Amino acid sequence: MPNDSLSHSCAPSELKPFDLDSSHDHGYTHDHGHAHDHGSSDTCSANELNEEVAAISDVVSSFLYYKTYALNGVIYRRLKYVDELTEHHRAIVSSLGVIDKIKAAENLIRENYKLMLDIVYASSVGSMPDPADDNSTFKVWLKRFFEAREKAGKPHVKDGHMNKLYGTMKLFVRDWSSDGADERRQTYGPLLEALEDEFCDLAPEMRGSVRVLVPGAGLGRLAYEICCRGFSTQGNEFSYFMLFASNYILNKSLKEGQHVVYPYVHQFSNVACVEDQMRAVYIPDALPSNMPFAATAEFSMAAGDFIEVYSADDEKEKWDAILTCFFMDTAKNVLEYLDTIWHALKPGAIWINLGPLLWHFENVEGEFSIEFTRNEFLCLVAKAGFLLDDKKFRESVAVPYTADSKSMLQYTYNAFMCVARKPK
């Protein structure tokens, strides 16, 4: 289990000092708060709550330590290398503007840090001072935060967490910027088309009674797009990196292009020109509060483990459709995912899946994982009782994932898409 993720279905609103505040909303009736709970917090042991607090603290520490980590690893190290060059080579490097480029990157990292602080503050309840109000007060609080971690024997940043934070910045691009529109079209487009085809007889204003679930919702754009088509939609997410970031973009965006991020500033390889590396990305490109069918379609985000949350009795046969995008391979045992999807779907309901099979736990030390080929996976779907729609099966869907369109290196997944139905 990723150590930045919810380990059980306890309500995040029970956790201190950092909390995903259920009161965050857009000033209209459809709540986007991340504290929806599918079980009683009374069922959580003290040990589980302590583990939850520790997981939150680790992720918060990553956001708060971003500037120091990035400056040391990205900026000062490179400036040191330049300084160690011979005088002749240093003069050549300087004449190309490389030193100016590194210093420009330093400034943009500091700008990114402001966004990191805003994201953490948006999900904190009463403990973290507003960094914008009194900088000295915040600095004292920040010093005490890291002193407490040191006293507890915890590192400032856990291994791999900063890469997840860098990845979260790129997810902002994918889900909530105009730069990510083409990737969304390639990835979300086929899913949305299949969903619309299933309910083509219903006008958008009549679809509010159709309940759609999106496990592994990430930053919530796919769930948002589904709701914009008239469906009542719930996104489910497990990772606190995603939950903090989605809470911020969904609940703290008052206008399009309000926030700016420099997601590629840490990337010095496969760069064609300085402008590509330093470019700003403005988010969001669509305002989450502007729902065209807000009077009829509900939109929510639920935090928690997919299996634990949606295998609960009150989730049985509750959903008219489930859409999974780059999600099924996050399972340790995908059969448990299939069981949960079956449990949650109404008889006759549809499940639409698109993604690769990059099994996330395949090489994770201390974790078990069962991996399947695509053909084996499809056999498992059939054995679970689902009826696969052969006409809608797509063997090869070329899709990127958080790709930098201007990079000299491009990765493309040869994903597949399947549409299955739970029999009536």
Foldseek 3Di string as FASTA:
>chain_A
DPLQWQPFQAFQCVAPDWGQDQPFAAPDDFGATARDGQDYNVVDDPVSRVSVNVSPLQLLLLLQCQLVVLCVVQAPVVVVVLVPDDPVVNVVCVVVVVNVLSVLLNVQSVQQSLVSLLLRVLGGDPQADRCVPDVVVNVVSSVVSVVVCVVVVHDSHDPPSNVVLLQLLLVCCCQFFPNNVVQCCLFLVLVLVVVCVVVVVDQLLRAQQAEEEEEQCQLPRSQLVNVLSNYAYEYEHIGPSSNSNSSCQQRVDDDAQPDKHQSQSRPDPQAPDSCLNRPITGGGRDHSVPRPNVVRYHYYYYYGDLLNNQLDPVQFQAHQEYEYTQPQLQDQDSLSVLVSVLRRHHAFHKYKYKDANPNPCPPPPPGHHDGDHPVVVVVSNVVSPKAKDPVSKFQFRWHFRSDSPRGSDGDTDRMIMIMIGRHD
